[in-house]
Amino acid sequence: MESMMTVRQVAELLGVHENWVYDQAASGQLPSYKIGGTRRFDRDEVRGWIADHREPENRRESRQRTSEKRAPVDGTRRLAQDGEHRSTAAPPPRERVDGSQSRLFD
């Protein structure tokens, strides 16, 4: 029988932190066994889990394109219609009906 994998081995295989592996295993998302108080993973089940959770290539590309379209962190945001940027700062005070400017603390 092939030996079971440890949490550390699974974390290294997946490229994630050990805590993530524990969380996924405890919630039942990642197949595991508790043997003698420790979590163990069947190699074939982990391989099957990886295959089931693999993203199609075209979905990865669309996700990258979507992340490239996200607003920059410099306080501006993109307008959907024409791609121009608009400041996210507060708008200038409105002019009142009587012609005076509104103030923060009237």
PDB file of N, CA and C in Angstrom:
ATOM      1  N   MET A   1       0.836  -1.186   0.000  1.00  0.00           N
ATOM      2  CA  MET A   1       0.000   0.000   0.000  1.00  0.00           C
ATOM      3  C   MET A   1       0.880   1.248   0.000  1.00  0.00           C
ATOM      4  N   GLU A   2       0.483   2.214  -0.808  1.00  0.00           N
ATOM      5  CA  GLU A   2       1.221   3.464  -0.891  1.00  0.00           C
ATOM      6  C   GLU A   2       1.013   4.254   0.399  1.00  0.00           C
ATOM      7  N   SER A   3       2.075   4.910   0.867  1.00  0.00           N
ATOM      8  CA  SER A   3       1.958   5.630   2.133  1.00  0.00           C
ATOM      9  C   SER A   3       1.086   6.868   1.982  1.00  0.00           C
ATOM     10  N   MET A   4       0.502   7.262   3.080  1.00  0.00           N
ATOM     11  CA  MET A   4      -0.364   8.441   3.108  1.00  0.00           C
ATOM     12  C   MET A   4       0.515   9.698   3.144  1.00  0.00           C
ATOM     13  N   MET A   5      -0.045  10.790   2.663  1.00  0.00           N
ATOM     14  CA  MET A   5       0.671  12.065   2.656  1.00  0.00           C
ATOM     15  C   MET A   5       0.353  12.851   3.920  1.00  0.00           C
ATOM     16  N   THR A   6       1.313  13.643   4.375  1.00  0.00           N
ATOM     17  CA  THR A   6       1.109  14.518   5.524  1.00  0.00           C
ATOM     18  C   THR A   6       0.558  15.868   5.049  1.00  0.00           C
ATOM     19  N   VAL A   7       0.131  16.682   6.000  1.00  0.00           N
ATOM     20  CA  VAL A   7      -0.351  18.023   5.690  1.00  0.00           C
ATOM     21  C   VAL A   7       0.763  18.812   5.003  1.00  0.00           C
ATOM     22  N   ARG A   8       1.970  18.714   5.492  1.00  0.00           N
ATOM     23  CA  ARG A   8       3.099  19.440   4.899  1.00  0.00           C
ATOM     24  C   ARG A   8       3.331  19.017   3.454  1.00  0.00           C
ATOM     25  N   GLN A   9       3.255  17.735   3.174  1.00  0.00           N
ATOM     26  CA  GLN A   9       3.463  17.251   1.813  1.00  0.00           C
ATOM     27  C   GLN A   9       2.378  17.757   0.863  1.00  0.00           C
ATOM     28  N   VAL A  10       1.133  17.746   1.329  1.00  0.00           N
ATOM     29  CA  VAL A  10       0.031  18.233   0.507  1.00  0.00           C
ATOM     30  C   VAL A  10       0.185  19.739   0.274  1.00  0.00           C
ATOM     31  N   ALA A  11       0.562  20.477   1.316  1.00  0.00           N
ATOM     32  CA  ALA A  11       0.756  21.925   1.186  1.00  0.00           C
ATOM     33  C   ALA A  11       1.851  22.228   0.162  1.00  0.00           C
ATOM     34  N   GLU A  12       2.947  21.478   0.212  1.00  0.00           N
ATOM     35  CA  GLU A  12       4.028  21.679  -0.755  1.00  0.00           C
ATOM     36  C   GLU A  12       3.579  21.329  -2.171  1.00  0.00           C
ATOM     37  N   LEU A  13       2.823  20.242  -2.303  1.00  0.00           N
ATOM     38  CA  LEU A  13       2.325  19.827  -3.612  1.00  0.00           C
ATOM     39  C   LEU A  13       1.416  20.892  -4.218  1.00  0.00           C
ATOM     40  N   LEU A  14       0.538  21.470  -3.395  1.00  0.00           N
ATOM     41  CA  LEU A  14      -0.427  22.458  -3.881  1.00  0.00           C
ATOM     42  C   LEU A  14       0.134  23.879  -3.906  1.00  0.00           C
ATOM     43  N   GLY A  15       1.242  24.095  -3.223  1.00  0.00           N
ATOM     44  CA  GLY A  15       1.815  25.442  -3.166  1.00  0.00           C
ATOM     45  C   GLY A  15       1.017  26.385  -2.284  1.00  0.00           C
ATOM     46  N   VAL A  16       0.487  25.844  -1.185  1.00  0.00           N
ATOM     47  CA  VAL A  16      -0.317  26.641  -0.263  1.00  0.00           C
ATOM     48  C   VAL A  16       0.231  26.479   1.152  1.00  0.00           C
ATOM     49  N   HIS A  17      -0.292  27.259   2.070  1.00  0.00           N
ATOM     50  CA  HIS A  17       0.128  27.177   3.467  1.00  0.00           C
ATOM     51  C   HIS A  17      -0.505  25.955   4.129  1.00  0.00           C
ATOM     52  N   GLU A  18       0.159  25.393   5.102  1.00  0.00           N
ATOM     53  CA  GLU A  18      -0.358  24.224   5.820  1.00  0.00           C
ATOM     54  C   GLU A  18      -1.709  24.509   6.473  1.00  0.00           C
ATOM     55  N   ASN A  19      -1.893  25.729   6.974  1.00  0.00           N
ATOM     56  CA  ASN A  19      -3.177  26.070   7.612  1.00  0.00           C
ATOM     57  C   ASN A  19      -4.331  25.959   6.628  1.00  0.00           C
ATOM     58  N   TRP A  20      -4.087  26.324   5.365  1.00  0.00           N
ATOM     59  CA  TRP A  20      -5.127  26.220   4.344  1.00  0.00           C
ATOM     60  C   TRP A  20      -5.507  24.755   4.154  1.00  0.00           C
ATOM     61  N   VAL A  21      -4.514  23.876   4.149  1.00  0.00           N
ATOM     62  CA  VAL A  21      -4.771  22.443   3.988  1.00  0.00           C
ATOM     63  C   VAL A  21      -5.607  21.931   5.158  1.00  0.00           C
ATOM     64  N   TYR A  22      -5.233  22.321   6.385  1.00  0.00           N
ATOM     65  CA  TYR A  22      -6.018  21.918   7.561  1.00  0.00           C
ATOM     66  C   TYR A  22      -7.461  22.403   7.447  1.00  0.00           C
ATOM     67  N   ASP A  23      -7.635  23.661   7.074  1.00  0.00           N
ATOM     68  CA  ASP A  23      -8.986  24.227   6.967  1.00  0.00           C
ATOM     69  C   ASP A  23      -9.828  23.484   5.936  1.00  0.00           C
ATOM     70  N   GLN A  24      -9.253  23.226   4.772  1.00  0.00           N
ATOM     71  CA  GLN A  24      -9.986  22.533   3.711  1.00  0.00           C
ATOM     72  C   GLN A  24     -10.318  21.099   4.114  1.00  0.00           C
ATOM     73  N   ALA A  25      -9.385  20.443   4.784  1.00  0.00           N
ATOM     74  CA  ALA A  25      -9.613  19.064   5.218  1.00  0.00           C
ATOM     75  C   ALA A  25     -10.684  19.015   6.309  1.00  0.00           C
ATOM     76  N   ALA A  26     -10.610  19.924   7.264  1.00  0.00           N
ATOM     77  CA  ALA A  26     -11.574  19.931   8.371  1.00  0.00           C
ATOM     78  C   ALA A  26     -12.989  20.226   7.871  1.00  0.00           C
ATOM     79  N   SER A  27     -13.095  21.041   6.814  1.00  0.00           N
ATOM     80  CA  SER A  27     -14.421  21.381   6.290  1.00  0.00           C
ATOM     81  C   SER A  27     -14.948  20.317   5.330  1.00  0.00           C
ATOM     82  N   GLY A  28     -14.103  19.355   4.989  1.00  0.00           N
ATOM     83  CA  GLY A  28     -14.529  18.291   4.089  1.00  0.00           C
ATOM     84  C   GLY A  28     -14.303  18.609   2.616  1.00  0.00           C
ATOM     85  N   GLN A  29     -13.767  19.773   2.318  1.00  0.00           N
ATOM     86  CA  GLN A  29     -13.516  20.151   0.935  1.00  0.00           C
ATOM     87  C   GLN A  29     -12.370  19.343   0.317  1.00  0.00           C
ATOM     88  N   LEU A  30     -11.374  19.028   1.112  1.00  0.00           N
ATOM     89  CA  LEU A  30     -10.215  18.254   0.676  1.00  0.00           C
ATOM     90  C   LEU A  30     -10.277  16.900   1.371  1.00  0.00           C
ATOM     91  N   PRO A  31     -10.314  15.798   0.620  1.00  0.00           N
ATOM     92  CA  PRO A  31     -10.474  14.481   1.252  1.00  0.00           C
ATOM     93  C   PRO A  31      -9.288  14.132   2.153  1.00  0.00           C
ATOM     94  N   SER A  32      -9.591  13.715   3.380  1.00  0.00           N
ATOM     95  CA  SER A  32      -8.524  13.375   4.324  1.00  0.00           C
ATOM     96  C   SER A  32      -9.040  12.364   5.341  1.00  0.00           C
ATOM     97  N   TYR A  33      -8.097  11.855   6.125  1.00  0.00           N
ATOM     98  CA  TYR A  33      -8.398  10.895   7.187  1.00  0.00           C
ATOM     99  C   TYR A  33      -7.683  11.358   8.440  1.00  0.00           C
ATOM    100  N   LYS A  34      -8.336  11.191   9.566  1.00  0.00           N
ATOM    101  CA  LYS A  34      -7.684  11.455  10.847  1.00  0.00           C
ATOM    102  C   LYS A  34      -7.207  10.116  11.390  1.00  0.00           C
ATOM    103  N   ILE A  35      -5.909   9.971  11.455  1.00  0.00           N
ATOM    104  CA  ILE A  35      -5.301   8.728  11.934  1.00  0.00           C
ATOM    105  C   ILE A  35      -4.422   9.070  13.127  1.00  0.00           C
ATOM    106  N   GLY A  36      -4.779   8.545  14.264  1.00  0.00           N
ATOM    107  CA  GLY A  36      -3.988   8.802  15.468  1.00  0.00           C
ATOM    108  C   GLY A  36      -3.915  10.270  15.827  1.00  0.00           C
ATOM    109  N   GLY A  37      -4.963  11.030  15.514  1.00  0.00           N
ATOM    110  CA  GLY A  37      -4.981  12.450  15.866  1.00  0.00           C
ATOM    111  C   GLY A  37      -4.335  13.352  14.833  1.00  0.00           C
ATOM    112  N   THR A  38      -3.783  12.783  13.763  1.00  0.00           N
ATOM    113  CA  THR A  38      -3.176  13.612  12.718  1.00  0.00           C
ATOM    114  C   THR A  38      -3.920  13.423  11.401  1.00  0.00           C
ATOM    115  N   ARG A  39      -3.898  14.433  10.571  1.00  0.00           N
ATOM    116  CA  ARG A  39      -4.537  14.362   9.262  1.00  0.00           C
ATOM    117  C   ARG A  39      -3.596  13.673   8.280  1.00  0.00           C
ATOM    118  N   ARG A  40      -4.152  12.752   7.517  1.00  0.00           N
ATOM    119  CA  ARG A  40      -3.411  12.070   6.448  1.00  0.00           C
ATOM    120  C   ARG A  40      -4.247  12.103   5.181  1.00  0.00           C
ATOM    121  N   PHE A  41      -3.558  12.072   4.053  1.00  0.00           N
ATOM    122  CA  PHE A  41      -4.207  12.210   2.754  1.00  0.00           C
ATOM    123  C   PHE A  41      -3.770  11.083   1.835  1.00  0.00           C
ATOM    124  N   ASP A  42      -4.730  10.481   1.169  1.00  0.00           N
ATOM    125  CA  ASP A  42      -4.439   9.446   0.179  1.00  0.00           C
ATOM    126  C   ASP A  42      -3.963  10.139  -1.098  1.00  0.00           C
ATOM    127  N   ARG A  43      -2.818   9.698  -1.604  1.00  0.00           N
ATOM    128  CA  ARG A  43      -2.206  10.317  -2.784  1.00  0.00           C
ATOM    129  C   ARG A  43      -3.157  10.370  -3.978  1.00  0.00           C
ATOM    130  N   ASP A  44      -3.825   9.250  -4.245  1.00  0.00           N
ATOM    131  CA  ASP A  44      -4.731   9.197  -5.399  1.00  0.00           C
ATOM    132  C   ASP A  44      -5.935  10.128  -5.219  1.00  0.00           C
ATOM    133  N   GLU A  45      -6.436  10.230  -3.995  1.00  0.00           N
ATOM    134  CA  GLU A  45      -7.564  11.129  -3.741  1.00  0.00           C
ATOM    135  C   GLU A  45      -7.149  12.588  -3.914  1.00  0.00           C
ATOM    136  N   VAL A  46      -5.948  12.932  -3.487  1.00  0.00           N
ATOM    137  CA  VAL A  46      -5.451  14.300  -3.656  1.00  0.00           C
ATOM    138  C   VAL A  46      -5.274  14.605  -5.143  1.00  0.00           C
ATOM    139  N   ARG A  47      -4.734  13.642  -5.889  1.00  0.00           N
ATOM    140  CA  ARG A  47      -4.587  13.839  -7.337  1.00  0.00           C
ATOM    141  C   ARG A  47      -5.951  14.033  -8.002  1.00  0.00           C
ATOM    142  N   GLY A  48      -6.940  13.250  -7.583  1.00  0.00           N
ATOM    143  CA  GLY A  48      -8.292  13.412  -8.115  1.00  0.00           C
ATOM    144  C   GLY A  48      -8.889  14.754  -7.755  1.00  0.00           C
ATOM    145  N   TRP A  49      -8.643  15.209  -6.533  1.00  0.00           N
ATOM    146  CA  TRP A  49      -9.133  16.512  -6.099  1.00  0.00           C
ATOM    147  C   TRP A  49      -8.515  17.622  -6.946  1.00  0.00           C
ATOM    148  N   ILE A  50      -7.230  17.503  -7.224  1.00  0.00           N
ATOM    149  CA  ILE A  50      -6.544  18.492  -8.068  1.00  0.00           C
ATOM    150  C   ILE A  50      -7.176  18.516  -9.457  1.00  0.00           C
ATOM    151  N   ALA A  51      -7.398  17.341 -10.022  1.00  0.00           N
ATOM    152  CA  ALA A  51      -7.990  17.264 -11.365  1.00  0.00           C
ATOM    153  C   ALA A  51      -9.400  17.872 -11.377  1.00  0.00           C
ATOM    154  N   ASP A  52     -10.173  17.630 -10.331  1.00  0.00           N
ATOM    155  CA  ASP A  52     -11.535  18.163 -10.252  1.00  0.00           C
ATOM    156  C   ASP A  52     -11.565  19.681 -10.088  1.00  0.00           C
ATOM    157  N   HIS A  53     -10.516  20.257  -9.507  1.00  0.00           N
ATOM    158  CA  HIS A  53     -10.494  21.689  -9.217  1.00  0.00           C
ATOM    159  C   HIS A  53      -9.623  22.478 -10.181  1.00  0.00           C
ATOM    160  N   ARG A  54      -9.162  21.838 -11.224  1.00  0.00           N
ATOM    161  CA  ARG A  54      -8.344  22.534 -12.218  1.00  0.00           C
ATOM    162  C   ARG A  54      -9.243  23.430 -13.054  1.00  0.00           C
ATOM    163  N   GLU A  55      -8.793  24.690 -13.286  1.00  0.00           N
ATOM    164  CA  GLU A  55      -9.563  25.624 -14.103  1.00  0.00           C
ATOM    165  C   GLU A  55      -9.246  25.395 -15.573  1.00  0.00           C
ATOM    166  N   PRO A  56     -10.247  25.514 -16.419  1.00  0.00           N
ATOM    167  CA  PRO A  56      -9.975  25.448 -17.850  1.00  0.00           C
ATOM    168  C   PRO A  56      -9.070  26.608 -18.265  1.00  0.00           C
ATOM    169  N   GLU A  57      -8.248  26.395 -19.263  1.00  0.00           N
ATOM    170  CA  GLU A  57      -7.281  27.405 -19.702  1.00  0.00           C
ATOM    171  C   GLU A  57      -7.950  28.721 -20.079  1.00  0.00           C
ATOM    172  N   ASN A  58      -9.081  28.666 -20.797  1.00  0.00           N
ATOM    173  CA  ASN A  58      -9.735  29.909 -21.223  1.00  0.00           C
ATOM    174  C   ASN A  58     -10.298  30.694 -20.049  1.00  0.00           C
ATOM    175  N   ARG A  59     -10.680  30.038 -18.965  1.00  0.00           N
ATOM    176  CA  ARG A  59     -11.188  30.753 -17.792  1.00  0.00           C
ATOM    177  C   ARG A  59     -10.058  31.517 -17.112  1.00  0.00           C
ATOM    178  N   ARG A  60      -8.858  30.922 -17.066  1.00  0.00           N
ATOM    179  CA  ARG A  60      -7.713  31.609 -16.473  1.00  0.00           C
ATOM    180  C   ARG A  60      -7.394  32.871 -17.257  1.00  0.00           C
ATOM    181  N   GLU A  61      -7.441  32.785 -18.589  1.00  0.00           N
ATOM    182  CA  GLU A  61      -7.138  33.940 -19.425  1.00  0.00           C
ATOM    183  C   GLU A  61      -8.159  35.042 -19.203  1.00  0.00           C
ATOM    184  N   SER A  62      -9.438  34.700 -19.122  1.00  0.00           N
ATOM    185  CA  SER A  62     -10.455  35.728 -18.918  1.00  0.00           C
ATOM    186  C   SER A  62     -10.315  36.342 -17.532  1.00  0.00           C
ATOM    187  N   ARG A  63      -9.915  35.565 -16.538  1.00  0.00           N
ATOM    188  CA  ARG A  63      -9.703  36.103 -15.200  1.00  0.00           C
ATOM    189  C   ARG A  63      -8.543  37.090 -15.210  1.00  0.00           C
ATOM    190  N   GLN A  64      -7.473  36.787 -15.966  1.00  0.00           N
ATOM    191  CA  GLN A  64      -6.343  37.710 -16.059  1.00  0.00           C
ATOM    192  C   GLN A  64      -6.784  38.999 -16.736  1.00  0.00           C
ATOM    193  N   ARG A  65      -7.564  38.891 -17.806  1.00  0.00           N
ATOM    194  CA  ARG A  65      -8.033  40.087 -18.498  1.00  0.00           C
ATOM    195  C   ARG A  65      -8.916  40.913 -17.579  1.00  0.00           C
ATOM    196  N   THR A  66      -9.744  40.262 -16.791  1.00  0.00           N
ATOM    197  CA  THR A  66     -10.615  40.977 -15.859  1.00  0.00           C
ATOM    198  C   THR A  66      -9.782  41.711 -14.818  1.00  0.00           C
ATOM    199  N   SER A  67      -8.749  41.072 -14.296  1.00  0.00           N
ATOM    200  CA  SER A  67      -7.930  41.722 -13.275  1.00  0.00           C
ATOM    201  C   SER A  67      -7.154  42.883 -13.865  1.00  0.00           C
ATOM    202  N   GLU A  68      -6.821  42.828 -15.155  1.00  0.00           N
ATOM    203  CA  GLU A  68      -6.125  43.940 -15.793  1.00  0.00           C
ATOM    204  C   GLU A  68      -7.050  45.140 -15.939  1.00  0.00           C
ATOM    205  N   LYS A  69      -8.362  44.917 -16.007  1.00  0.00           N
ATOM    206  CA  LYS A  69      -9.324  45.988 -16.193  1.00  0.00           C
ATOM    207  C   LYS A  69      -9.739  46.638 -14.889  1.00  0.00           C
ATOM    208  N   ARG A  70      -9.328  46.081 -13.776  1.00  0.00           N
ATOM    209  CA  ARG A  70      -9.736  46.642 -12.491  1.00  0.00           C
ATOM    210  C   ARG A  70      -9.167  48.039 -12.310  1.00  0.00           C
ATOM    211  N   ALA A  71      -9.838  48.814 -11.454  1.00  0.00           N
ATOM    212  CA  ALA A  71      -9.432  50.200 -11.225  1.00  0.00           C
ATOM    213  C   ALA A  71      -8.054  50.251 -10.596  1.00  0.00           C
ATOM    214  N   PRO A  72      -7.238  51.218 -11.017  1.00  0.00           N
ATOM    215  CA  PRO A  72      -5.924  51.378 -10.398  1.00  0.00           C
ATOM    216  C   PRO A  72      -6.062  51.840  -8.958  1.00  0.00           C
ATOM    217  N   VAL A  73      -5.004  51.707  -8.203  1.00  0.00           N
ATOM    218  CA  VAL A  73      -5.028  52.026  -6.784  1.00  0.00           C
ATOM    219  C   VAL A  73      -4.756  53.509  -6.540  1.00  0.00           C
ATOM    220  N   ASP A  74      -4.564  54.302  -7.582  1.00  0.00           N
ATOM    221  CA  ASP A  74      -4.171  55.699  -7.425  1.00  0.00           C
ATOM    222  C   ASP A  74      -5.337  56.664  -7.212  1.00  0.00           C
ATOM    223  N   GLY A  75      -6.526  56.172  -6.877  1.00  0.00           N
ATOM    224  CA  GLY A  75      -7.652  57.042  -6.590  1.00  0.00           C
ATOM    225  C   GLY A  75      -8.489  57.382  -7.803  1.00  0.00           C
ATOM    226  N   THR A  76      -8.249  56.726  -8.910  1.00  0.00           N
ATOM    227  CA  THR A  76      -9.081  56.964 -10.088  1.00  0.00           C
ATOM    228  C   THR A  76      -9.828  55.697 -10.406  1.00  0.00           C
ATOM    229  N   ARG A  77     -10.871  55.810 -11.208  1.00  0.00           N
ATOM    230  CA  ARG A  77     -11.577  54.614 -11.630  1.00  0.00           C
ATOM    231  C   ARG A  77     -11.905  54.746 -13.104  1.00  0.00           C
ATOM    232  N   ARG A  78     -12.055  53.622 -13.744  1.00  0.00           N
ATOM    233  CA  ARG A  78     -12.340  53.627 -15.172  1.00  0.00           C
ATOM    234  C   ARG A  78     -13.831  53.779 -15.398  1.00  0.00           C
ATOM    235  N   LEU A  79     -14.180  54.513 -16.443  1.00  0.00           N
ATOM    236  CA  LEU A  79     -15.563  54.623 -16.857  1.00  0.00           C
ATOM    237  C   LEU A  79     -15.821  53.552 -17.897  1.00  0.00           C
ATOM    238  N   ALA A  80     -16.916  52.873 -17.779  1.00  0.00           N
ATOM    239  CA  ALA A  80     -17.192  51.733 -18.649  1.00  0.00           C
ATOM    240  C   ALA A  80     -17.381  52.148 -20.103  1.00  0.00           C
ATOM    241  N   GLN A  81     -17.943  53.326 -20.363  1.00  0.00           N
ATOM    242  CA  GLN A  81     -18.281  53.700 -21.725  1.00  0.00           C
ATOM    243  C   GLN A  81     -17.052  54.033 -22.564  1.00  0.00           C
ATOM    244  N   ASP A  82     -16.213  54.946 -22.089  1.00  0.00           N
ATOM    245  CA  ASP A  82     -15.156  55.425 -22.958  1.00  0.00           C
ATOM    246  C   ASP A  82     -13.750  55.210 -22.402  1.00  0.00           C
ATOM    247  N   GLY A  83     -13.605  54.573 -21.281  1.00  0.00           N
ATOM    248  CA  GLY A  83     -12.284  54.255 -20.760  1.00  0.00           C
ATOM    249  C   GLY A  83     -11.568  55.422 -20.111  1.00  0.00           C
ATOM    250  N   GLU A  84     -12.204  56.605 -20.020  1.00  0.00           N
ATOM    251  CA  GLU A  84     -11.554  57.739 -19.379  1.00  0.00           C
ATOM    252  C   GLU A  84     -11.558  57.545 -17.874  1.00  0.00           C
ATOM    253  N   HIS A  85     -10.631  58.228 -17.204  1.00  0.00           N
ATOM    254  CA  HIS A  85     -10.559  58.142 -15.744  1.00  0.00           C
ATOM    255  C   HIS A  85     -11.280  59.329 -15.137  1.00  0.00           C
ATOM    256  N   ARG A  86     -11.852  59.073 -13.962  1.00  0.00           N
ATOM    257  CA  ARG A  86     -12.509  60.130 -13.230  1.00  0.00           C
ATOM    258  C   ARG A  86     -12.044  60.036 -11.791  1.00  0.00           C
ATOM    259  N   SER A  87     -11.774  61.131 -11.171  1.00  0.00           N
ATOM    260  CA  SER A  87     -11.315  61.145  -9.792  1.00  0.00           C
ATOM    261  C   SER A  87     -12.422  60.643  -8.878  1.00  0.00           C
ATOM    262  N   THR A  88     -12.035  59.955  -7.815  1.00  0.00           N
ATOM    263  CA  THR A  88     -13.015  59.490  -6.837  1.00  0.00           C
ATOM    264  C   THR A  88     -13.119  60.466  -5.671  1.00  0.00           C
ATOM    265  N   ALA A  89     -12.495  61.649  -5.803  1.00  0.00           N
ATOM    266  CA  ALA A  89     -12.580  62.661  -4.752  1.00  0.00           C
ATOM    267  C   ALA A  89     -14.016  63.174  -4.664  1.00  0.00           C
ATOM    268  N   ALA A  90     -14.347  63.776  -3.532  1.00  0.00           N
ATOM    269  CA  ALA A  90     -15.698  64.303  -3.331  1.00  0.00           C
ATOM    270  C   ALA A  90     -15.985  65.393  -4.358  1.00  0.00           C
ATOM    271  N   PRO A  91     -17.231  65.469  -4.819  1.00  0.00           N
ATOM    272  CA  PRO A  91     -17.583  66.499  -5.797  1.00  0.00           C
ATOM    273  C   PRO A  91     -17.539  67.879  -5.149  1.00  0.00           C
ATOM    274  N   PRO A  92     -17.403  68.936  -5.953  1.00  0.00           N
ATOM    275  CA  PRO A  92     -17.389  70.282  -5.379  1.00  0.00           C
ATOM    276  C   PRO A  92     -18.754  70.596  -4.764  1.00  0.00           C
ATOM    277  N   PRO A  93     -18.804  71.549  -3.824  1.00  0.00           N
ATOM    278  CA  PRO A  93     -20.089  71.869  -3.193  1.00  0.00           C
ATOM    279  C   PRO A  93     -21.079  72.382  -4.229  1.00  0.00           C
ATOM    280  N   ARG A  94     -22.346  72.047  -4.047  1.00  0.00           N
ATOM    281  CA  ARG A  94     -23.392  72.483  -4.972  1.00  0.00           C
ATOM    282  C   ARG A  94     -23.778  73.927  -4.690  1.00  0.00           C
ATOM    283  N   GLU A  95     -24.206  74.574  -5.738  1.00  0.00           N
ATOM    284  CA  GLU A  95     -24.699  75.933  -5.567  1.00  0.00           C
ATOM    285  C   GLU A  95     -26.164  75.857  -5.144  1.00  0.00           C
ATOM    286  N   ARG A  96     -26.534  76.630  -4.163  1.00  0.00           N
ATOM    287  CA  ARG A  96     -27.910  76.634  -3.666  1.00  0.00           C
ATOM    288  C   ARG A  96     -28.813  77.422  -4.603  1.00  0.00           C
ATOM    289  N   VAL A  97     -30.084  77.231  -4.401  1.00  0.00           N
ATOM    290  CA  VAL A  97     -31.074  77.923  -5.218  1.00  0.00           C
ATOM    291  C   VAL A  97     -30.900  79.433  -5.113  1.00  0.00           C
ATOM    292  N   ASP A  98     -30.545  79.924  -3.911  1.00  0.00           N
ATOM    293  CA  ASP A  98     -30.388  81.368  -3.717  1.00  0.00           C
ATOM    294  C   ASP A  98     -29.055  81.888  -4.252  1.00  0.00           C
ATOM    295  N   GLY A  99     -28.220  80.997  -4.858  1.00  0.00           N
ATOM    296  CA  GLY A  99     -26.953  81.425  -5.459  1.00  0.00           C
ATOM    297  C   GLY A  99     -25.754  81.290  -4.556  1.00  0.00           C
ATOM    298  N   SER A 100     -25.949  81.026  -3.243  1.00  0.00           N
ATOM    299  CA  SER A 100     -24.802  80.889  -2.333  1.00  0.00           C
ATOM    300  C   SER A 100     -24.273  79.455  -2.381  1.00  0.00           C
ATOM    301  N   GLN A 101     -23.037  79.247  -1.965  1.00  0.00           N
ATOM    302  CA  GLN A 101     -22.415  77.927  -1.917  1.00  0.00           C
ATOM    303  C   GLN A 101     -22.821  77.225  -0.613  1.00  0.00           C
ATOM    304  N   SER A 102     -23.039  75.906  -0.701  1.00  0.00           N
ATOM    305  CA  SER A 102     -23.299  75.153   0.536  1.00  0.00           C
ATOM    306  C   SER A 102     -21.985  74.976   1.260  1.00  0.00           C
ATOM    307  N   ARG A 103     -22.054  74.960   2.578  1.00  0.00           N
ATOM    308  CA  ARG A 103     -20.853  74.790   3.384  1.00  0.00           C
ATOM    309  C   ARG A 103     -20.978  73.526   4.197  1.00  0.00           C
ATOM    310  N   LEU A 104     -19.852  73.017   4.620  1.00  0.00           N
ATOM    311  CA  LEU A 104     -19.830  71.780   5.368  1.00  0.00           C
ATOM    312  C   LEU A 104     -20.593  71.923   6.686  1.00  0.00           C
ATOM    313  N   PHE A 105     -20.348  73.053   7.406  1.00  0.00           N
ATOM    314  CA  PHE A 105     -20.995  73.272   8.704  1.00  0.00           C
ATOM    315  C   PHE A 105     -21.793  74.555   8.649  1.00  0.00           C
ATOM    316  N   ASP A 106     -23.016  74.488   8.152  1.00  0.00           N
ATOM    317  CA  ASP A 106     -23.862  75.688   8.069  1.00  0.00           C
ATOM    318  C   ASP A 106     -24.295  76.166   9.421  1.00  0.00           C
TER     319      ASP A 106
END
